[in-house]
Each structure stands twice: as structure tokens, then as C-alpha cells.
Amino acid sequence: MKVKLFLNDFRAMVRNQSFGSETNLHPIFFFENESKCLFYKPINSIVYWIEVIKSDLPADITLENLKYNEFNAIEILEPI
């Protein structure tokens, strides 16, 4: 099952880092193309994800900061 979240909800979930029954902590993955970046966080049998449209990012949020600092995400070659 895939559950789409808003950026603020996804960020809050990642910062919390207590996912209840999750025993195998999976990293966050991302897929990027010229117009958007998709982030995925698998938790048990659910994949939480967000779609970030590059042209719609607020001025105080950079995609590079999200990928490498805040989420410590791993790039994948195809969207999930």
C-alpha cells in the first residue's frame, strides 16, 4: 500500500523516528527528474511518499538540503 503525504507531514514523520511497530528501519529513497522529486519511506508494508515539484518549492527549502541533510535519502533509478 502507498500513502501520499504533504511535505510538512512527511518531514514530521521522518523527524519523529518512532514508527511504532517498525523493527527494520528502512532508509528514505528518492527519484528525481527534471521537474519533480519523489521521496519514499517504507514502514512495514506501507510506503509513505511525497512529490515535490521543483518549481513550487518555497524559497526557504532547497531540494539538496532535503535529499542529503534532512532526509539522508538514497537515490533510486525508477519511481516506486
PDB file of N, CA and C in Angstrom:
ATOM      1  N   MET A   1       0.844  -1.163   0.000  1.00  0.00           N
ATOM      2  CA  MET A   1       0.000   0.000   0.000  1.00  0.00           C
ATOM      3  C   MET A   1       0.896   1.234   0.000  1.00  0.00           C
ATOM      4  N   LYS A   2       0.541   2.243  -0.805  1.00  0.00           N
ATOM      5  CA  LYS A   2       1.269   3.504  -0.835  1.00  0.00           C
ATOM      6  C   LYS A   2       0.366   4.613  -0.294  1.00  0.00           C
ATOM      7  N   VAL A   3       0.939   5.475   0.548  1.00  0.00           N
ATOM      8  CA  VAL A   3       0.188   6.583   1.146  1.00  0.00           C
ATOM      9  C   VAL A   3       0.914   7.879   0.814  1.00  0.00           C
ATOM     10  N   LYS A   4       0.230   8.764   0.094  1.00  0.00           N
ATOM     11  CA  LYS A   4       0.824  10.053  -0.270  1.00  0.00           C
ATOM     12  C   LYS A   4       0.612  11.051   0.865  1.00  0.00           C
ATOM     13  N   LEU A   5       1.678  11.768   1.214  1.00  0.00           N
ATOM     14  CA  LEU A   5       1.620  12.766   2.275  1.00  0.00           C
ATOM     15  C   LEU A   5       1.986  14.143   1.738  1.00  0.00           C
ATOM     16  N   PHE A   6       1.676  15.171   2.514  1.00  0.00           N
ATOM     17  CA  PHE A   6       2.160  16.509   2.237  1.00  0.00           C
ATOM     18  C   PHE A   6       3.578  16.620   2.775  1.00  0.00           C
ATOM     19  N   LEU A   7       4.355  17.556   2.244  1.00  0.00           N
ATOM     20  CA  LEU A   7       5.747  17.717   2.643  1.00  0.00           C
ATOM     21  C   LEU A   7       5.881  17.906   4.150  1.00  0.00           C
ATOM     22  N   ASN A   8       5.073  18.759   4.758  1.00  0.00           N
ATOM     23  CA  ASN A   8       5.174  19.002   6.206  1.00  0.00           C
ATOM     24  C   ASN A   8       4.895  17.740   7.016  1.00  0.00           C
ATOM     25  N   ASP A   9       3.932  16.948   6.596  1.00  0.00           N
ATOM     26  CA  ASP A   9       3.619  15.695   7.296  1.00  0.00           C
ATOM     27  C   ASP A   9       4.757  14.682   7.148  1.00  0.00           C
ATOM     28  N   PHE A  10       5.316  14.594   5.951  1.00  0.00           N
ATOM     29  CA  PHE A  10       6.426  13.677   5.704  1.00  0.00           C
ATOM     30  C   PHE A  10       7.638  14.081   6.541  1.00  0.00           C
ATOM     31  N   ARG A  11       7.944  15.365   6.564  1.00  0.00           N
ATOM     32  CA  ARG A  11       9.076  15.858   7.358  1.00  0.00           C
ATOM     33  C   ARG A  11       8.857  15.560   8.842  1.00  0.00           C
ATOM     34  N   ALA A  12       7.651  15.770   9.348  1.00  0.00           N
ATOM     35  CA  ALA A  12       7.360  15.496  10.759  1.00  0.00           C
ATOM     36  C   ALA A  12       7.511  14.013  11.067  1.00  0.00           C
ATOM     37  N   MET A  13       7.044  13.160  10.163  1.00  0.00           N
ATOM     38  CA  MET A  13       7.159  11.713  10.363  1.00  0.00           C
ATOM     39  C   MET A  13       8.625  11.305  10.405  1.00  0.00           C
ATOM     40  N   VAL A  14       9.435  11.840   9.513  1.00  0.00           N
ATOM     41  CA  VAL A  14      10.859  11.489   9.465  1.00  0.00           C
ATOM     42  C   VAL A  14      11.583  11.997  10.710  1.00  0.00           C
ATOM     43  N   ARG A  15      11.259  13.185  11.148  1.00  0.00           N
ATOM     44  CA  ARG A  15      11.902  13.747  12.346  1.00  0.00           C
ATOM     45  C   ARG A  15      11.548  12.964  13.600  1.00  0.00           C
ATOM     46  N   ASN A  16      10.322  12.448  13.672  1.00  0.00           N
ATOM     47  CA  ASN A  16       9.845  11.723  14.848  1.00  0.00           C
ATOM     48  C   ASN A  16      10.661  10.453  15.068  1.00  0.00           C
ATOM     49  N   GLN A  17      10.897   9.689  14.008  1.00  0.00           N
ATOM     50  CA  GLN A  17      11.678   8.457  14.014  1.00  0.00           C
ATOM     51  C   GLN A  17      11.181   7.399  14.990  1.00  0.00           C
ATOM     52  N   SER A  18       9.952   7.488  15.442  1.00  0.00           N
ATOM     53  CA  SER A  18       9.372   6.403  16.236  1.00  0.00           C
ATOM     54  C   SER A  18       8.129   5.929  15.504  1.00  0.00           C
ATOM     55  N   PHE A  19       8.259   4.825  14.823  1.00  0.00           N
ATOM     56  CA  PHE A  19       7.204   4.360  13.939  1.00  0.00           C
ATOM     57  C   PHE A  19       6.440   3.176  14.519  1.00  0.00           C
ATOM     58  N   GLY A  20       6.321   3.138  15.810  1.00  0.00           N
ATOM     59  CA  GLY A  20       5.532   2.089  16.433  1.00  0.00           C
ATOM     60  C   GLY A  20       6.153   0.724  16.273  1.00  0.00           C
ATOM     61  N   SER A  21       5.554  -0.103  15.449  1.00  0.00           N
ATOM     62  CA  SER A  21       5.971  -1.499  15.357  1.00  0.00           C
ATOM     63  C   SER A  21       7.086  -1.730  14.346  1.00  0.00           C
ATOM     64  N   GLU A  22       7.631  -0.684  13.761  1.00  0.00           N
ATOM     65  CA  GLU A  22       8.683  -0.896  12.772  1.00  0.00           C
ATOM     66  C   GLU A  22       9.921  -1.475  13.449  1.00  0.00           C
ATOM     67  N   THR A  23      10.343  -2.637  12.996  1.00  0.00           N
ATOM     68  CA  THR A  23      11.517  -3.276  13.583  1.00  0.00           C
ATOM     69  C   THR A  23      12.731  -3.173  12.661  1.00  0.00           C
ATOM     70  N   ASN A  24      12.507  -3.061  11.373  1.00  0.00           N
ATOM     71  CA  ASN A  24      13.595  -2.942  10.412  1.00  0.00           C
ATOM     72  C   ASN A  24      13.542  -1.535   9.821  1.00  0.00           C
ATOM     73  N   LEU A  25      14.359  -0.640  10.345  1.00  0.00           N
ATOM     74  CA  LEU A  25      14.327   0.746   9.895  1.00  0.00           C
ATOM     75  C   LEU A  25      14.883   0.868   8.480  1.00  0.00           C
ATOM     76  N   HIS A  26      14.024   1.255   7.559  1.00  0.00           N
ATOM     77  CA  HIS A  26      14.419   1.430   6.169  1.00  0.00           C
ATOM     78  C   HIS A  26      14.805   2.882   5.929  1.00  0.00           C
ATOM     79  N   PRO A  27      15.752   3.108   5.032  1.00  0.00           N
ATOM     80  CA  PRO A  27      16.118   4.485   4.708  1.00  0.00           C
ATOM     81  C   PRO A  27      15.041   5.157   3.863  1.00  0.00           C
ATOM     82  N   ILE A  28      15.233   6.418   3.611  1.00  0.00           N
ATOM     83  CA  ILE A  28      14.367   7.162   2.703  1.00  0.00           C
ATOM     84  C   ILE A  28      15.021   7.109   1.328  1.00  0.00           C
ATOM     85  N   PHE A  29      14.206   6.894   0.316  1.00  0.00           N
ATOM     86  CA  PHE A  29      14.676   6.836  -1.060  1.00  0.00           C
ATOM     87  C   PHE A  29      14.112   8.018  -1.827  1.00  0.00           C
ATOM     88  N   PHE A  30      14.817   8.417  -2.902  1.00  0.00           N
ATOM     89  CA  PHE A  30      14.262   9.461  -3.766  1.00  0.00           C
ATOM     90  C   PHE A  30      14.515   9.137  -5.221  1.00  0.00           C
ATOM     91  N   PHE A  31      13.594   9.620  -6.054  1.00  0.00           N
ATOM     92  CA  PHE A  31      13.714   9.555  -7.502  1.00  0.00           C
ATOM     93  C   PHE A  31      13.523  10.972  -8.013  1.00  0.00           C
ATOM     94  N   GLU A  32      14.397  11.398  -8.906  1.00  0.00           N
ATOM     95  CA  GLU A  32      14.340  12.774  -9.389  1.00  0.00           C
ATOM     96  C   GLU A  32      14.378  12.812 -10.913  1.00  0.00           C
ATOM     97  N   ASN A  33      13.546  13.700 -11.481  1.00  0.00           N
ATOM     98  CA  ASN A  33      13.654  14.010 -12.900  1.00  0.00           C
ATOM     99  C   ASN A  33      13.724  15.532 -13.042  1.00  0.00           C
ATOM    100  N   GLU A  34      13.582  16.055 -14.247  1.00  0.00           N
ATOM    101  CA  GLU A  34      13.781  17.487 -14.458  1.00  0.00           C
ATOM    102  C   GLU A  34      12.733  18.369 -13.786  1.00  0.00           C
ATOM    103  N   SER A  35      11.565  17.856 -13.497  1.00  0.00           N
ATOM    104  CA  SER A  35      10.502  18.701 -12.941  1.00  0.00           C
ATOM    105  C   SER A  35      10.112  18.396 -11.497  1.00  0.00           C
ATOM    106  N   LYS A  36      10.420  17.201 -11.005  1.00  0.00           N
ATOM    107  CA  LYS A  36       9.969  16.842  -9.660  1.00  0.00           C
ATOM    108  C   LYS A  36      10.931  15.867  -8.990  1.00  0.00           C
ATOM    109  N   CYS A  37      10.728  15.708  -7.703  1.00  0.00           N
ATOM    110  CA  CYS A  37      11.482  14.745  -6.914  1.00  0.00           C
ATOM    111  C   CYS A  37      10.486  13.997  -6.029  1.00  0.00           C
ATOM    112  N   LEU A  38      10.562  12.687  -6.047  1.00  0.00           N
ATOM    113  CA  LEU A  38       9.686  11.846  -5.240  1.00  0.00           C
ATOM    114  C   LEU A  38      10.503  11.238  -4.114  1.00  0.00           C
ATOM    115  N   PHE A  39       9.985  11.320  -2.893  1.00  0.00           N
ATOM    116  CA  PHE A  39      10.632  10.721  -1.726  1.00  0.00           C
ATOM    117  C   PHE A  39       9.758   9.587  -1.213  1.00  0.00           C
ATOM    118  N   TYR A  40      10.382   8.486  -0.799  1.00  0.00           N
ATOM    119  CA  TYR A  40       9.676   7.309  -0.311  1.00  0.00           C
ATOM    120  C   TYR A  40      10.241   6.875   1.033  1.00  0.00           C
ATOM    121  N   LYS A  41       9.353   6.520   1.959  1.00  0.00           N
ATOM    122  CA  LYS A  41       9.766   5.971   3.260  1.00  0.00           C
ATOM    123  C   LYS A  41       8.949   4.705   3.509  1.00  0.00           C
ATOM    124  N   PRO A  42       9.563   3.516   3.328  1.00  0.00           N
ATOM    125  CA  PRO A  42       8.844   2.281   3.637  1.00  0.00           C
ATOM    126  C   PRO A  42       8.810   2.040   5.149  1.00  0.00           C
ATOM    127  N   ILE A  43       7.640   1.717   5.638  1.00  0.00           N
ATOM    128  CA  ILE A  43       7.459   1.335   7.038  1.00  0.00           C
ATOM    129  C   ILE A  43       6.553   0.109   7.042  1.00  0.00           C
ATOM    130  N   ASN A  44       7.135  -1.014   7.410  1.00  0.00           N
ATOM    131  CA  ASN A  44       6.444  -2.306   7.354  1.00  0.00           C
ATOM    132  C   ASN A  44       5.897  -2.518   5.951  1.00  0.00           C
ATOM    133  N   SER A  45       4.611  -2.701   5.760  1.00  0.00           N
ATOM    134  CA  SER A  45       4.058  -2.967   4.431  1.00  0.00           C
ATOM    135  C   SER A  45       3.474  -1.715   3.775  1.00  0.00           C
ATOM    136  N   ILE A  46       3.781  -0.547   4.306  1.00  0.00           N
ATOM    137  CA  ILE A  46       3.270   0.716   3.768  1.00  0.00           C
ATOM    138  C   ILE A  46       4.449   1.556   3.288  1.00  0.00           C
ATOM    139  N   VAL A  47       4.284   2.176   2.123  1.00  0.00           N
ATOM    140  CA  VAL A  47       5.282   3.107   1.607  1.00  0.00           C
ATOM    141  C   VAL A  47       4.661   4.497   1.651  1.00  0.00           C
ATOM    142  N   TYR A  48       5.225   5.359   2.484  1.00  0.00           N
ATOM    143  CA  TYR A  48       4.789   6.752   2.555  1.00  0.00           C
ATOM    144  C   TYR A  48       5.617   7.531   1.542  1.00  0.00           C
ATOM    145  N   TRP A  49       4.970   8.450   0.820  1.00  0.00           N
ATOM    146  CA  TRP A  49       5.703   9.161  -0.217  1.00  0.00           C
ATOM    147  C   TRP A  49       5.176  10.576  -0.393  1.00  0.00           C
ATOM    148  N   ILE A  50       6.044  11.405  -0.968  1.00  0.00           N
ATOM    149  CA  ILE A  50       5.664  12.771  -1.314  1.00  0.00           C
ATOM    150  C   ILE A  50       6.203  13.077  -2.705  1.00  0.00           C
ATOM    151  N   GLU A  51       5.550  14.025  -3.348  1.00  0.00           N
ATOM    152  CA  GLU A  51       6.003  14.512  -4.638  1.00  0.00           C
ATOM    153  C   GLU A  51       6.324  15.996  -4.467  1.00  0.00           C
ATOM    154  N   VAL A  52       7.568  16.363  -4.724  1.00  0.00           N
ATOM    155  CA  VAL A  52       7.996  17.750  -4.607  1.00  0.00           C
ATOM    156  C   VAL A  52       8.199  18.289  -6.018  1.00  0.00           C
ATOM    157  N   ILE A  53       7.372  19.261  -6.392  1.00  0.00           N
ATOM    158  CA  ILE A  53       7.509  19.917  -7.690  1.00  0.00           C
ATOM    159  C   ILE A  53       8.587  20.986  -7.545  1.00  0.00           C
ATOM    160  N   LYS A  54       9.638  20.878  -8.330  1.00  0.00           N
ATOM    161  CA  LYS A  54      10.787  21.765  -8.169  1.00  0.00           C
ATOM    162  C   LYS A  54      10.412  23.241  -8.307  1.00  0.00           C
ATOM    163  N   SER A  55       9.548  23.566  -9.236  1.00  0.00           N
ATOM    164  CA  SER A  55       9.186  24.970  -9.460  1.00  0.00           C
ATOM    165  C   SER A  55       8.288  25.529  -8.356  1.00  0.00           C
ATOM    166  N   ASP A  56       7.708  24.665  -7.527  1.00  0.00           N
ATOM    167  CA  ASP A  56       6.801  25.101  -6.459  1.00  0.00           C
ATOM    168  C   ASP A  56       7.434  25.116  -5.075  1.00  0.00           C
ATOM    169  N   LEU A  57       8.728  24.827  -4.980  1.00  0.00           N
ATOM    170  CA  LEU A  57       9.388  24.812  -3.669  1.00  0.00           C
ATOM    171  C   LEU A  57       9.445  26.221  -3.077  1.00  0.00           C
ATOM    172  N   PRO A  58       9.141  26.365  -1.795  1.00  0.00           N
ATOM    173  CA  PRO A  58       9.303  27.668  -1.137  1.00  0.00           C
ATOM    174  C   PRO A  58      10.773  28.090  -1.153  1.00  0.00           C
ATOM    175  N   ALA A  59      11.011  29.386  -1.067  1.00  0.00           N
ATOM    176  CA  ALA A  59      12.374  29.916  -1.151  1.00  0.00           C
ATOM    177  C   ALA A  59      13.269  29.418  -0.019  1.00  0.00           C
ATOM    178  N   ASP A  60      12.681  29.093   1.142  1.00  0.00           N
ATOM    179  CA  ASP A  60      13.490  28.674   2.290  1.00  0.00           C
ATOM    180  C   ASP A  60      13.791  27.175   2.325  1.00  0.00           C
ATOM    181  N   ILE A  61      13.330  26.421   1.313  1.00  0.00           N
ATOM    182  CA  ILE A  61      13.575  24.975   1.248  1.00  0.00           C
ATOM    183  C   ILE A  61      14.324  24.666  -0.042  1.00  0.00           C
ATOM    184  N   THR A  62      15.461  23.996   0.092  1.00  0.00           N
ATOM    185  CA  THR A  62      16.183  23.568  -1.104  1.00  0.00           C
ATOM    186  C   THR A  62      16.079  22.056  -1.231  1.00  0.00           C
ATOM    187  N   LEU A  63      16.026  21.609  -2.443  1.00  0.00           N
ATOM    188  CA  LEU A  63      15.931  20.177  -2.710  1.00  0.00           C
ATOM    189  C   LEU A  63      17.195  19.452  -2.241  1.00  0.00           C
ATOM    190  N   GLU A  64      18.337  20.070  -2.436  1.00  0.00           N
ATOM    191  CA  GLU A  64      19.597  19.461  -1.996  1.00  0.00           C
ATOM    192  C   GLU A  64      19.611  19.259  -0.479  1.00  0.00           C
ATOM    193  N   ASN A  65      19.114  20.230   0.264  1.00  0.00           N
ATOM    194  CA  ASN A  65      19.061  20.109   1.716  1.00  0.00           C
ATOM    195  C   ASN A  65      18.119  18.980   2.143  1.00  0.00           C
ATOM    196  N   LEU A  66      16.965  18.886   1.483  1.00  0.00           N
ATOM    197  CA  LEU A  66      16.035  17.797   1.801  1.00  0.00           C
ATOM    198  C   LEU A  66      16.679  16.441   1.537  1.00  0.00           C
ATOM    199  N   LYS A  67      17.278  16.289   0.356  1.00  0.00           N
ATOM    200  CA  LYS A  67      17.832  14.987  -0.041  1.00  0.00           C
ATOM    201  C   LYS A  67      18.986  14.545   0.846  1.00  0.00           C
ATOM    202  N   TYR A  68      19.936  15.431   1.062  1.00  0.00           N
ATOM    203  CA  TYR A  68      21.193  14.983   1.660  1.00  0.00           C
ATOM    204  C   TYR A  68      21.351  15.316   3.133  1.00  0.00           C
ATOM    205  N   ASN A  69      20.667  16.318   3.629  1.00  0.00           N
ATOM    206  CA  ASN A  69      20.816  16.687   5.033  1.00  0.00           C
ATOM    207  C   ASN A  69      19.632  16.219   5.871  1.00  0.00           C
ATOM    208  N   GLU A  70      18.460  16.709   5.513  1.00  0.00           N
ATOM    209  CA  GLU A  70      17.287  16.416   6.345  1.00  0.00           C
ATOM    210  C   GLU A  70      16.840  14.956   6.254  1.00  0.00           C
ATOM    211  N   PHE A  71      16.774  14.397   5.035  1.00  0.00           N
ATOM    212  CA  PHE A  71      16.276  13.030   4.867  1.00  0.00           C
ATOM    213  C   PHE A  71      17.392  11.995   4.747  1.00  0.00           C
ATOM    214  N   ASN A  72      18.592  12.418   4.430  1.00  0.00           N
ATOM    215  CA  ASN A  72      19.702  11.487   4.206  1.00  0.00           C
ATOM    216  C   ASN A  72      19.247  10.373   3.250  1.00  0.00           C
ATOM    217  N   ALA A  73      18.656  10.788   2.131  1.00  0.00           N
ATOM    218  CA  ALA A  73      17.983   9.881   1.209  1.00  0.00           C
ATOM    219  C   ALA A  73      18.959   9.220   0.247  1.00  0.00           C
ATOM    220  N   ILE A  74      18.520   8.087  -0.262  1.00  0.00           N
ATOM    221  CA  ILE A  74      19.284   7.290  -1.225  1.00  0.00           C
ATOM    222  C   ILE A  74      18.561   7.347  -2.565  1.00  0.00           C
ATOM    223  N   GLU A  75      19.305   7.666  -3.620  1.00  0.00           N
ATOM    224  CA  GLU A  75      18.694   7.786  -4.945  1.00  0.00           C
ATOM    225  C   GLU A  75      18.386   6.413  -5.535  1.00  0.00           C
ATOM    226  N   ILE A  76      17.229   6.333  -6.194  1.00  0.00           N
ATOM    227  CA  ILE A  76      16.849   5.121  -6.923  1.00  0.00           C
ATOM    228  C   ILE A  76      16.674   5.489  -8.396  1.00  0.00           C
ATOM    229  N   LEU A  77      16.741   4.512  -9.277  1.00  0.00           N
ATOM    230  CA  LEU A  77      16.740   4.777 -10.713  1.00  0.00           C
ATOM    231  C   LEU A  77      15.339   4.851 -11.324  1.00  0.00           C
ATOM    232  N   GLU A  78      14.340   4.319 -10.643  1.00  0.00           N
ATOM    233  CA  GLU A  78      12.960   4.335 -11.134  1.00  0.00           C
ATOM    234  C   GLU A  78      12.036   4.680  -9.981  1.00  0.00           C
ATOM    235  N   PRO A  79      10.929   5.372 -10.284  1.00  0.00           N
ATOM    236  CA  PRO A  79       9.958   5.620  -9.212  1.00  0.00           C
ATOM    237  C   PRO A  79       9.317   4.322  -8.758  1.00  0.00           C
ATOM    238  N   ILE A  80       8.921   4.288  -7.513  1.00  0.00           N
ATOM    239  CA  ILE A  80       8.285   3.087  -6.948  1.00  0.00           C
ATOM    240  C   ILE A  80       6.829   3.051  -7.348  1.00  0.00           C
TER     241      ILE A  80
END
